[in-house]
Amino acid sequence: MLIPIEITDKAREEIKNIMATKNIPSEYRLRVGVKGGGCGGMAYNLGFDTPKDNDQQFEIDGIPVLMEKRHVMFLMGMKVDFYEGAEARGFTFVNPKDGG
């Protein structure tokens, strides 16, 4: 099965750190999703959740990932990265479909 997204080394390290330090239950998976369009385009989100009937499941570099089937086409080709700077830190999403 084609893996729709890439998770960078820095993002993978942070996701695994969150899973270990925030006591995320073992049955939970990383959920990657999108929220509506609007003027600003797509907004992407990450969280932890259990599988639902309308999900596709992937294993990406040792991380179990969930996506709603209807979101996969919007997420295809996206790269999830993690930024840590002096002023801010957090996950970033680079999607070639957004021109990014």
PDB file of N, CA and C in Angstrom:
ATOM      1  N   MET A   1       0.839  -1.183   0.000  1.00  0.00           N
ATOM      2  CA  MET A   1       0.000   0.000   0.000  1.00  0.00           C
ATOM      3  C   MET A   1       0.884   1.246   0.000  1.00  0.00           C
ATOM      4  N   LEU A   2       0.501   2.189  -0.810  1.00  0.00           N
ATOM      5  CA  LEU A   2       1.237   3.446  -0.919  1.00  0.00           C
ATOM      6  C   LEU A   2       1.099   4.249   0.375  1.00  0.00           C
ATOM      7  N   ILE A   3       2.207   4.743   0.883  1.00  0.00           N
ATOM      8  CA  ILE A   3       2.199   5.576   2.092  1.00  0.00           C
ATOM      9  C   ILE A   3       1.977   7.023   1.640  1.00  0.00           C
ATOM     10  N   PRO A   4       0.885   7.659   2.069  1.00  0.00           N
ATOM     11  CA  PRO A   4       0.537   8.979   1.537  1.00  0.00           C
ATOM     12  C   PRO A   4       1.376  10.141   2.052  1.00  0.00           C
ATOM     13  N   ILE A   5       1.963  10.013   3.257  1.00  0.00           N
ATOM     14  CA  ILE A   5       2.715  11.140   3.816  1.00  0.00           C
ATOM     15  C   ILE A   5       4.108  10.700   4.238  1.00  0.00           C
ATOM     16  N   GLU A   6       4.954  11.691   4.439  1.00  0.00           N
ATOM     17  CA  GLU A   6       6.305  11.455   4.962  1.00  0.00           C
ATOM     18  C   GLU A   6       6.383  12.111   6.338  1.00  0.00           C
ATOM     19  N   ILE A   7       7.031  11.432   7.262  1.00  0.00           N
ATOM     20  CA  ILE A   7       7.290  11.996   8.586  1.00  0.00           C
ATOM     21  C   ILE A   7       8.798  12.123   8.713  1.00  0.00           C
ATOM     22  N   THR A   8       9.287  13.357   8.897  1.00  0.00           N
ATOM     23  CA  THR A   8      10.727  13.571   8.970  1.00  0.00           C
ATOM     24  C   THR A   8      11.295  12.969  10.256  1.00  0.00           C
ATOM     25  N   ASP A   9      12.606  12.843  10.309  1.00  0.00           N
ATOM     26  CA  ASP A   9      13.273  12.294  11.495  1.00  0.00           C
ATOM     27  C   ASP A   9      12.938  13.109  12.746  1.00  0.00           C
ATOM     28  N   LYS A  10      12.971  14.445  12.631  1.00  0.00           N
ATOM     29  CA  LYS A  10      12.689  15.297  13.788  1.00  0.00           C
ATOM     30  C   LYS A  10      11.247  15.130  14.257  1.00  0.00           C
ATOM     31  N   ALA A  11      10.313  15.050  13.317  1.00  0.00           N
ATOM     32  CA  ALA A  11       8.906  14.868  13.680  1.00  0.00           C
ATOM     33  C   ALA A  11       8.689  13.495  14.296  1.00  0.00           C
ATOM     34  N   ARG A  12       9.302  12.481  13.728  1.00  0.00           N
ATOM     35  CA  ARG A  12       9.163  11.113  14.250  1.00  0.00           C
ATOM     36  C   ARG A  12       9.689  11.035  15.686  1.00  0.00           C
ATOM     37  N   GLU A  13      10.819  11.663  15.927  1.00  0.00           N
ATOM     38  CA  GLU A  13      11.403  11.681  17.274  1.00  0.00           C
ATOM     39  C   GLU A  13      10.459  12.360  18.266  1.00  0.00           C
ATOM     40  N   GLU A  14       9.865  13.483  17.871  1.00  0.00           N
ATOM     41  CA  GLU A  14       8.946  14.203  18.752  1.00  0.00           C
ATOM     42  C   GLU A  14       7.655  13.417  18.981  1.00  0.00           C
ATOM     43  N   ILE A  15       7.118  12.781  17.953  1.00  0.00           N
ATOM     44  CA  ILE A  15       5.902  11.973  18.096  1.00  0.00           C
ATOM     45  C   ILE A  15       6.150  10.827  19.070  1.00  0.00           C
ATOM     46  N   LYS A  16       7.275  10.141  18.900  1.00  0.00           N
ATOM     47  CA  LYS A  16       7.596   9.027  19.804  1.00  0.00           C
ATOM     48  C   LYS A  16       7.816   9.531  21.229  1.00  0.00           C
ATOM     49  N   ASN A  17       8.409  10.708  21.375  1.00  0.00           N
ATOM     50  CA  ASN A  17       8.609  11.317  22.687  1.00  0.00           C
ATOM     51  C   ASN A  17       7.259  11.622  23.348  1.00  0.00           C
ATOM     52  N   ILE A  18       6.333  12.190  22.591  1.00  0.00           N
ATOM     53  CA  ILE A  18       4.997  12.490  23.115  1.00  0.00           C
ATOM     54  C   ILE A  18       4.300  11.206  23.537  1.00  0.00           C
ATOM     55  N   MET A  19       4.375  10.177  22.697  1.00  0.00           N
ATOM     56  CA  MET A  19       3.723   8.908  23.014  1.00  0.00           C
ATOM     57  C   MET A  19       4.271   8.315  24.316  1.00  0.00           C
ATOM     58  N   ALA A  20       5.559   8.478  24.541  1.00  0.00           N
ATOM     59  CA  ALA A  20       6.196   7.902  25.727  1.00  0.00           C
ATOM     60  C   ALA A  20       5.946   8.739  26.987  1.00  0.00           C
ATOM     61  N   THR A  21       6.010  10.065  26.850  1.00  0.00           N
ATOM     62  CA  THR A  21       5.948  10.920  28.041  1.00  0.00           C
ATOM     63  C   THR A  21       4.542  11.362  28.424  1.00  0.00           C
ATOM     64  N   LYS A  22       3.601  11.299  27.507  1.00  0.00           N
ATOM     65  CA  LYS A  22       2.226  11.746  27.786  1.00  0.00           C
ATOM     66  C   LYS A  22       1.290  10.573  28.059  1.00  0.00           C
ATOM     67  N   ASN A  23       1.871   9.380  28.235  1.00  0.00           N
ATOM     68  CA  ASN A  23       1.074   8.192  28.564  1.00  0.00           C
ATOM     69  C   ASN A  23      -0.059   7.932  27.578  1.00  0.00           C
ATOM     70  N   ILE A  24       0.244   8.042  26.293  1.00  0.00           N
ATOM     71  CA  ILE A  24      -0.742   7.748  25.251  1.00  0.00           C
ATOM     72  C   ILE A  24      -1.002   6.237  25.281  1.00  0.00           C
ATOM     73  N   PRO A  25      -2.256   5.809  25.423  1.00  0.00           N
ATOM     74  CA  PRO A  25      -2.550   4.367  25.482  1.00  0.00           C
ATOM     75  C   PRO A  25      -2.090   3.638  24.221  1.00  0.00           C
ATOM     76  N   SER A  26      -1.682   2.392  24.378  1.00  0.00           N
ATOM     77  CA  SER A  26      -1.101   1.635  23.262  1.00  0.00           C
ATOM     78  C   SER A  26      -2.087   1.400  22.120  1.00  0.00           C
ATOM     79  N   GLU A  27      -3.397   1.448  22.384  1.00  0.00           N
ATOM     80  CA  GLU A  27      -4.358   1.237  21.304  1.00  0.00           C
ATOM     81  C   GLU A  27      -4.590   2.504  20.468  1.00  0.00           C
ATOM     82  N   TYR A  28      -4.022   3.623  20.892  1.00  0.00           N
ATOM     83  CA  TYR A  28      -4.157   4.874  20.149  1.00  0.00           C
ATOM     84  C   TYR A  28      -3.129   4.938  19.021  1.00  0.00           C
ATOM     85  N   ARG A  29      -3.509   5.664  17.968  1.00  0.00           N
ATOM     86  CA  ARG A  29      -2.665   5.869  16.795  1.00  0.00           C
ATOM     87  C   ARG A  29      -2.547   7.375  16.542  1.00  0.00           C
ATOM     88  N   LEU A  30      -1.553   7.745  15.765  1.00  0.00           N
ATOM     89  CA  LEU A  30      -1.420   9.141  15.354  1.00  0.00           C
ATOM     90  C   LEU A  30      -2.458   9.403  14.270  1.00  0.00           C
ATOM     91  N   ARG A  31      -3.329  10.370  14.497  1.00  0.00           N
ATOM     92  CA  ARG A  31      -4.322  10.736  13.485  1.00  0.00           C
ATOM     93  C   ARG A  31      -3.844  11.992  12.766  1.00  0.00           C
ATOM     94  N   VAL A  32      -3.804  11.915  11.435  1.00  0.00           N
ATOM     95  CA  VAL A  32      -3.454  13.052  10.588  1.00  0.00           C
ATOM     96  C   VAL A  32      -4.711  13.393   9.804  1.00  0.00           C
ATOM     97  N   GLY A  33      -5.102  14.674   9.840  1.00  0.00           N
ATOM     98  CA  GLY A  33      -6.332  15.056   9.168  1.00  0.00           C
ATOM     99  C   GLY A  33      -6.287  16.455   8.605  1.00  0.00           C
ATOM    100  N   VAL A  34      -7.373  16.806   7.946  1.00  0.00           N
ATOM    101  CA  VAL A  34      -7.519  18.143   7.372  1.00  0.00           C
ATOM    102  C   VAL A  34      -8.830  18.743   7.864  1.00  0.00           C
ATOM    103  N   LYS A  35      -8.843  20.069   7.911  1.00  0.00           N
ATOM    104  CA  LYS A  35     -10.066  20.798   8.219  1.00  0.00           C
ATOM    105  C   LYS A  35     -10.347  21.716   7.044  1.00  0.00           C
ATOM    106  N   GLY A  36     -11.611  21.858   6.717  1.00  0.00           N
ATOM    107  CA  GLY A  36     -12.167  22.680   5.636  1.00  0.00           C
ATOM    108  C   GLY A  36     -11.237  23.556   4.845  1.00  0.00           C
ATOM    109  N   GLY A  37     -11.673  24.125   3.823  1.00  0.00           N
ATOM    110  CA  GLY A  37     -10.872  24.993   2.963  1.00  0.00           C
ATOM    111  C   GLY A  37     -10.969  26.430   3.408  1.00  0.00           C
ATOM    112  N   GLY A  38     -11.867  27.168   2.779  1.00  0.00           N
ATOM    113  CA  GLY A  38     -11.988  28.585   3.091  1.00  0.00           C
ATOM    114  C   GLY A  38     -10.896  29.388   2.422  1.00  0.00           C
ATOM    115  N   CYS A  39     -10.792  30.630   2.787  1.00  0.00           N
ATOM    116  CA  CYS A  39      -9.824  31.534   2.160  1.00  0.00           C
ATOM    117  C   CYS A  39      -8.386  31.123   2.426  1.00  0.00           C
ATOM    118  N   GLY A  40      -8.136  30.554   3.596  1.00  0.00           N
ATOM    119  CA  GLY A  40      -6.771  30.199   3.970  1.00  0.00           C
ATOM    120  C   GLY A  40      -6.322  28.844   3.461  1.00  0.00           C
ATOM    121  N   GLY A  41      -7.168  28.151   2.708  1.00  0.00           N
ATOM    122  CA  GLY A  41      -6.804  26.821   2.236  1.00  0.00           C
ATOM    123  C   GLY A  41      -7.018  25.774   3.316  1.00  0.00           C
ATOM    124  N   MET A  42      -6.372  24.647   3.149  1.00  0.00           N
ATOM    125  CA  MET A  42      -6.527  23.537   4.090  1.00  0.00           C
ATOM    126  C   MET A  42      -5.774  23.809   5.382  1.00  0.00           C
ATOM    127  N   ALA A  43      -6.345  23.370   6.479  1.00  0.00           N
ATOM    128  CA  ALA A  43      -5.663  23.384   7.770  1.00  0.00           C
ATOM    129  C   ALA A  43      -5.451  21.926   8.156  1.00  0.00           C
ATOM    130  N   TYR A  44      -4.267  21.602   8.609  1.00  0.00           N
ATOM    131  CA  TYR A  44      -3.906  20.225   8.937  1.00  0.00           C
ATOM    132  C   TYR A  44      -3.848  20.053  10.449  1.00  0.00           C
ATOM    133  N   ASN A  45      -4.146  18.830  10.906  1.00  0.00           N
ATOM    134  CA  ASN A  45      -4.075  18.595  12.340  1.00  0.00           C
ATOM    135  C   ASN A  45      -3.505  17.214  12.637  1.00  0.00           C
ATOM    136  N   LEU A  46      -2.906  17.129  13.814  1.00  0.00           N
ATOM    137  CA  LEU A  46      -2.359  15.885  14.347  1.00  0.00           C
ATOM    138  C   LEU A  46      -2.967  15.652  15.716  1.00  0.00           C
ATOM    139  N   GLY A  47      -3.165  14.409  16.048  1.00  0.00           N
ATOM    140  CA  GLY A  47      -3.652  14.067  17.370  1.00  0.00           C
ATOM    141  C   GLY A  47      -3.548  12.569  17.560  1.00  0.00           C
ATOM    142  N   PHE A  48      -4.001  12.078  18.685  1.00  0.00           N
ATOM    143  CA  PHE A  48      -3.993  10.642  18.947  1.00  0.00           C
ATOM    144  C   PHE A  48      -5.427  10.187  19.118  1.00  0.00           C
ATOM    145  N   ASP A  49      -5.746   9.049  18.521  1.00  0.00           N
ATOM    146  CA  ASP A  49      -7.119   8.581  18.487  1.00  0.00           C
ATOM    147  C   ASP A  49      -7.126   7.069  18.253  1.00  0.00           C
ATOM    148  N   THR A  50      -8.294   6.475  18.466  1.00  0.00           N
ATOM    149  CA  THR A  50      -8.468   5.057  18.152  1.00  0.00           C
ATOM    150  C   THR A  50      -9.068   4.937  16.759  1.00  0.00           C
ATOM    151  N   PRO A  51      -8.844   3.802  16.086  1.00  0.00           N
ATOM    152  CA  PRO A  51      -9.371   3.628  14.729  1.00  0.00           C
ATOM    153  C   PRO A  51     -10.901   3.679  14.681  1.00  0.00           C
ATOM    154  N   LYS A  52     -11.401   4.275  13.601  1.00  0.00           N
ATOM    155  CA  LYS A  52     -12.830   4.343  13.314  1.00  0.00           C
ATOM    156  C   LYS A  52     -13.089   3.568  12.014  1.00  0.00           C
ATOM    157  N   ASP A  53     -14.345   3.278  11.750  1.00  0.00           N
ATOM    158  CA  ASP A  53     -14.709   2.483  10.567  1.00  0.00           C
ATOM    159  C   ASP A  53     -14.285   3.118   9.253  1.00  0.00           C
ATOM    160  N   ASN A  54     -14.272   4.442   9.171  1.00  0.00           N
ATOM    161  CA  ASN A  54     -13.957   5.125   7.920  1.00  0.00           C
ATOM    162  C   ASN A  54     -12.476   5.506   7.806  1.00  0.00           C
ATOM    163  N   ASP A  55     -11.608   4.845   8.578  1.00  0.00           N
ATOM    164  CA  ASP A  55     -10.177   5.161   8.574  1.00  0.00           C
ATOM    165  C   ASP A  55      -9.378   4.224   7.680  1.00  0.00           C
ATOM    166  N   GLN A  56      -8.297   4.766   7.146  1.00  0.00           N
ATOM    167  CA  GLN A  56      -7.245   3.944   6.566  1.00  0.00           C
ATOM    168  C   GLN A  56      -6.118   3.966   7.582  1.00  0.00           C
ATOM    169  N   GLN A  57      -5.438   2.820   7.733  1.00  0.00           N
ATOM    170  CA  GLN A  57      -4.347   2.733   8.698  1.00  0.00           C
ATOM    171  C   GLN A  57      -3.047   2.452   7.955  1.00  0.00           C
ATOM    172  N   PHE A  58      -1.996   3.093   8.410  1.00  0.00           N
ATOM    173  CA  PHE A  58      -0.672   2.955   7.825  1.00  0.00           C
ATOM    174  C   PHE A  58       0.346   2.782   8.947  1.00  0.00           C
ATOM    175  N   GLU A  59       1.464   2.213   8.622  1.00  0.00           N
ATOM    176  CA  GLU A  59       2.611   2.162   9.530  1.00  0.00           C
ATOM    177  C   GLU A  59       3.694   2.977   8.833  1.00  0.00           C
ATOM    178  N   ILE A  60       4.076   4.089   9.434  1.00  0.00           N
ATOM    179  CA  ILE A  60       5.074   4.967   8.824  1.00  0.00           C
ATOM    180  C   ILE A  60       6.257   5.068   9.769  1.00  0.00           C
ATOM    181  N   ASP A  61       7.364   4.455   9.380  1.00  0.00           N
ATOM    182  CA  ASP A  61       8.594   4.496  10.178  1.00  0.00           C
ATOM    183  C   ASP A  61       8.354   4.105  11.626  1.00  0.00           C
ATOM    184  N   GLY A  62       7.570   3.048  11.838  1.00  0.00           N
ATOM    185  CA  GLY A  62       7.330   2.546  13.180  1.00  0.00           C
ATOM    186  C   GLY A  62       6.216   3.260  13.935  1.00  0.00           C
ATOM    187  N   ILE A  63       5.553   4.215  13.291  1.00  0.00           N
ATOM    188  CA  ILE A  63       4.452   4.946  13.927  1.00  0.00           C
ATOM    189  C   ILE A  63       3.139   4.522  13.272  1.00  0.00           C
ATOM    190  N   PRO A  64       2.201   4.008  14.066  1.00  0.00           N
ATOM    191  CA  PRO A  64       0.892   3.676  13.504  1.00  0.00           C
ATOM    192  C   PRO A  64       0.100   4.959  13.241  1.00  0.00           C
ATOM    193  N   VAL A  65      -0.388   5.115  12.010  1.00  0.00           N
ATOM    194  CA  VAL A  65      -1.040   6.351  11.579  1.00  0.00           C
ATOM    195  C   VAL A  65      -2.450   6.054  11.074  1.00  0.00           C
ATOM    196  N   LEU A  66      -3.391   6.925  11.431  1.00  0.00           N
ATOM    197  CA  LEU A  66      -4.771   6.864  10.959  1.00  0.00           C
ATOM    198  C   LEU A  66      -5.080   8.087  10.112  1.00  0.00           C
ATOM    199  N   MET A  67      -5.890   7.877   9.067  1.00  0.00           N
ATOM    200  CA  MET A  67      -6.428   8.977   8.274  1.00  0.00           C
ATOM    201  C   MET A  67      -7.824   8.590   7.844  1.00  0.00           C
ATOM    202  N   GLU A  68      -8.734   9.547   7.874  1.00  0.00           N
ATOM    203  CA  GLU A  68     -10.038   9.283   7.300  1.00  0.00           C
ATOM    204  C   GLU A  68      -9.850   9.041   5.810  1.00  0.00           C
ATOM    205  N   LYS A  69     -10.551   8.059   5.274  1.00  0.00           N
ATOM    206  CA  LYS A  69     -10.404   7.724   3.857  1.00  0.00           C
ATOM    207  C   LYS A  69     -10.618   8.944   2.967  1.00  0.00           C
ATOM    208  N   ARG A  70     -11.576   9.792   3.330  1.00  0.00           N
ATOM    209  CA  ARG A  70     -11.864  10.958   2.481  1.00  0.00           C
ATOM    210  C   ARG A  70     -10.780  12.034   2.566  1.00  0.00           C
ATOM    211  N   HIS A  71      -9.881  11.945   3.549  1.00  0.00           N
ATOM    212  CA  HIS A  71      -8.795  12.929   3.685  1.00  0.00           C
ATOM    213  C   HIS A  71      -7.529  12.520   2.938  1.00  0.00           C
ATOM    214  N   VAL A  72      -7.398  11.247   2.615  1.00  0.00           N
ATOM    215  CA  VAL A  72      -6.141  10.749   2.036  1.00  0.00           C
ATOM    216  C   VAL A  72      -5.760  11.524   0.784  1.00  0.00           C
ATOM    217  N   MET A  73      -6.719  11.828  -0.085  1.00  0.00           N
ATOM    218  CA  MET A  73      -6.372  12.526  -1.335  1.00  0.00           C
ATOM    219  C   MET A  73      -5.824  13.924  -1.068  1.00  0.00           C
ATOM    220  N   PHE A  74      -6.250  14.569   0.026  1.00  0.00           N
ATOM    221  CA  PHE A  74      -5.749  15.902   0.362  1.00  0.00           C
ATOM    222  C   PHE A  74      -4.378  15.836   1.030  1.00  0.00           C
ATOM    223  N   LEU A  75      -4.075  14.706   1.657  1.00  0.00           N
ATOM    224  CA  LEU A  75      -2.821  14.553   2.397  1.00  0.00           C
ATOM    225  C   LEU A  75      -1.703  13.943   1.561  1.00  0.00           C
ATOM    226  N   MET A  76      -2.044  13.358   0.422  1.00  0.00           N
ATOM    227  CA  MET A  76      -1.067  12.673  -0.425  1.00  0.00           C
ATOM    228  C   MET A  76       0.113  13.589  -0.765  1.00  0.00           C
ATOM    229  N   GLY A  77       1.313  13.121  -0.447  1.00  0.00           N
ATOM    230  CA  GLY A  77       2.527  13.879  -0.747  1.00  0.00           C
ATOM    231  C   GLY A  77       2.968  14.837   0.344  1.00  0.00           C
ATOM    232  N   MET A  78       2.173  14.955   1.416  1.00  0.00           N
ATOM    233  CA  MET A  78       2.501  15.901   2.482  1.00  0.00           C
ATOM    234  C   MET A  78       3.668  15.400   3.331  1.00  0.00           C
ATOM    235  N   LYS A  79       4.439  16.359   3.816  1.00  0.00           N
ATOM    236  CA  LYS A  79       5.547  16.059   4.729  1.00  0.00           C
ATOM    237  C   LYS A  79       5.248  16.698   6.075  1.00  0.00           C
ATOM    238  N   VAL A  80       5.313  15.874   7.139  1.00  0.00           N
ATOM    239  CA  VAL A  80       5.147  16.365   8.506  1.00  0.00           C
ATOM    240  C   VAL A  80       6.546  16.550   9.083  1.00  0.00           C
ATOM    241  N   ASP A  81       6.822  17.752   9.567  1.00  0.00           N
ATOM    242  CA  ASP A  81       8.130  18.063  10.128  1.00  0.00           C
ATOM    243  C   ASP A  81       7.913  18.652  11.523  1.00  0.00           C
ATOM    244  N   PHE A  82       9.006  18.820  12.249  1.00  0.00           N
ATOM    245  CA  PHE A  82       8.941  19.437  13.568  1.00  0.00           C
ATOM    246  C   PHE A  82       9.971  20.544  13.620  1.00  0.00           C
ATOM    247  N   TYR A  83       9.536  21.731  14.065  1.00  0.00           N
ATOM    248  CA  TYR A  83      10.396  22.896  14.148  1.00  0.00           C
ATOM    249  C   TYR A  83      10.603  23.248  15.612  1.00  0.00           C
ATOM    250  N   GLU A  84      11.852  23.523  15.941  1.00  0.00           N
ATOM    251  CA  GLU A  84      12.166  23.956  17.299  1.00  0.00           C
ATOM    252  C   GLU A  84      13.117  25.141  17.198  1.00  0.00           C
ATOM    253  N   GLY A  85      12.591  26.323  17.513  1.00  0.00           N
ATOM    254  CA  GLY A  85      13.390  27.533  17.437  1.00  0.00           C
ATOM    255  C   GLY A  85      13.388  28.270  18.756  1.00  0.00           C
ATOM    256  N   ALA A  86      14.029  29.424  18.780  1.00  0.00           N
ATOM    257  CA  ALA A  86      14.129  30.214  20.008  1.00  0.00           C
ATOM    258  C   ALA A  86      12.774  30.742  20.455  1.00  0.00           C
ATOM    259  N   GLU A  87      11.909  31.069  19.516  1.00  0.00           N
ATOM    260  CA  GLU A  87      10.621  31.684  19.828  1.00  0.00           C
ATOM    261  C   GLU A  87       9.447  30.709  19.805  1.00  0.00           C
ATOM    262  N   ALA A  88       9.588  29.619  19.058  1.00  0.00           N
ATOM    263  CA  ALA A  88       8.440  28.718  18.901  1.00  0.00           C
ATOM    264  C   ALA A  88       8.905  27.303  18.588  1.00  0.00           C
ATOM    265  N   ARG A  89       8.003  26.360  18.814  1.00  0.00           N
ATOM    266  CA  ARG A  89       8.249  24.982  18.440  1.00  0.00           C
ATOM    267  C   ARG A  89       6.917  24.353  18.089  1.00  0.00           C
ATOM    268  N   GLY A  90       6.956  23.395  17.165  1.00  0.00           N
ATOM    269  CA  GLY A  90       5.714  22.732  16.802  1.00  0.00           C
ATOM    270  C   GLY A  90       5.848  21.987  15.492  1.00  0.00           C
ATOM    271  N   PHE A  91       4.791  21.288  15.147  1.00  0.00           N
ATOM    272  CA  PHE A  91       4.777  20.530  13.912  1.00  0.00           C
ATOM    273  C   PHE A  91       4.443  21.449  12.755  1.00  0.00           C
ATOM    274  N   THR A  92       5.060  21.187  11.615  1.00  0.00           N
ATOM    275  CA  THR A  92       4.774  21.930  10.398  1.00  0.00           C
ATOM    276  C   THR A  92       4.342  20.933   9.324  1.00  0.00           C
ATOM    277  N   PHE A  93       3.567  21.421   8.380  1.00  0.00           N
ATOM    278  CA  PHE A  93       3.037  20.594   7.295  1.00  0.00           C
ATOM    279  C   PHE A  93       3.422  21.239   5.979  1.00  0.00           C
ATOM    280  N   VAL A  94       4.103  20.474   5.128  1.00  0.00           N
ATOM    281  CA  VAL A  94       4.496  20.964   3.817  1.00  0.00           C
ATOM    282  C   VAL A  94       3.775  20.087   2.793  1.00  0.00           C
ATOM    283  N   ASN A  95       2.833  20.712   2.081  1.00  0.00           N
ATOM    284  CA  ASN A  95       2.059  19.978   1.088  1.00  0.00           C
ATOM    285  C   ASN A  95       2.301  20.610  -0.287  1.00  0.00           C
ATOM    286  N   PRO A  96       2.864  19.842  -1.217  1.00  0.00           N
ATOM    287  CA  PRO A  96       3.152  20.397  -2.536  1.00  0.00           C
ATOM    288  C   PRO A  96       1.889  20.884  -3.253  1.00  0.00           C
ATOM    289  N   LYS A  97       0.732  20.366  -2.890  1.00  0.00           N
ATOM    290  CA  LYS A  97      -0.532  20.796  -3.502  1.00  0.00           C
ATOM    291  C   LYS A  97      -0.901  22.225  -3.087  1.00  0.00           C
ATOM    292  N   ASP A  98      -0.337  22.666  -1.948  1.00  0.00           N
ATOM    293  CA  ASP A  98      -0.603  24.021  -1.466  1.00  0.00           C
ATOM    294  C   ASP A  98       0.424  25.011  -2.006  1.00  0.00           C
ATOM    295  N   GLY A  99       1.318  24.539  -2.834  1.00  0.00           N
ATOM    296  CA  GLY A  99       2.386  25.377  -3.332  1.00  0.00           C
ATOM    297  C   GLY A  99       3.543  25.486  -2.366  1.00  0.00           C
ATOM    298  N   GLY A 100       3.524  24.637  -1.292  1.00  0.00           N
ATOM    299  CA  GLY A 100       4.562  24.706  -0.267  1.00  0.00           C
ATOM    300  C   GLY A 100       5.524  23.587  -0.343  1.00  0.00           C
TER     301      GLY A 100
END
